[in-house]
């Protein structure tokens, strides 16, 4: 974003983009729909973001960083693997309730062709935090062996699949729904 733009309006645009992408999908979302939801003229969108791709990348980075902060800020990583995992899972469940559209957007667009290097680098750095924890737990013999990134993807994938099904049914995303996946997820990591 250029430094002379109104930050509040830029955030309003990101919020409108998130809601519109969630409703229509990235590919089917025209910029005029985002502008309409934000209550501004279409041309004004381009004062803040030169293209739909740049808008989507700014949104991706904002929400990815918000998720990382929610999961890791103040996390007690020196506790047992099971305790740390439960802390992360509780935070993930809370994030899913508070930011359902954001979590779905991140999951659906994690591999989007439009993501730029900065967005991919941020995603990689967050994955590295998680795989670092998995490696640490493996080193201490607290969880099973295996590729840390693949274990992370398997575990997180179950949470996302449940979230997706709940939304497809038109049911509310609740903390109880998110927490219902804790034991099965831990079961994927637990040593046999």
Foldseek 3Di string as FASTA:
>chain_A
DDPPDDVVLLVLLLVLVLVQCLVQNLVRDDLCSSCVSSVHDSVVVCVNPVDSLRSLQVSLVVLLVVLLCLQDPPQPLPDALLVSLVSNLLSVLVCCQVPVSSVLSCVVCVPPPSHDPVSVVSVVVSLVVQLVSLVVNVVVVFWDDDRSSVLVCVLVVVLVVQSVVCVVVVHHRHSVSSVVSSVVSVVSTGDD
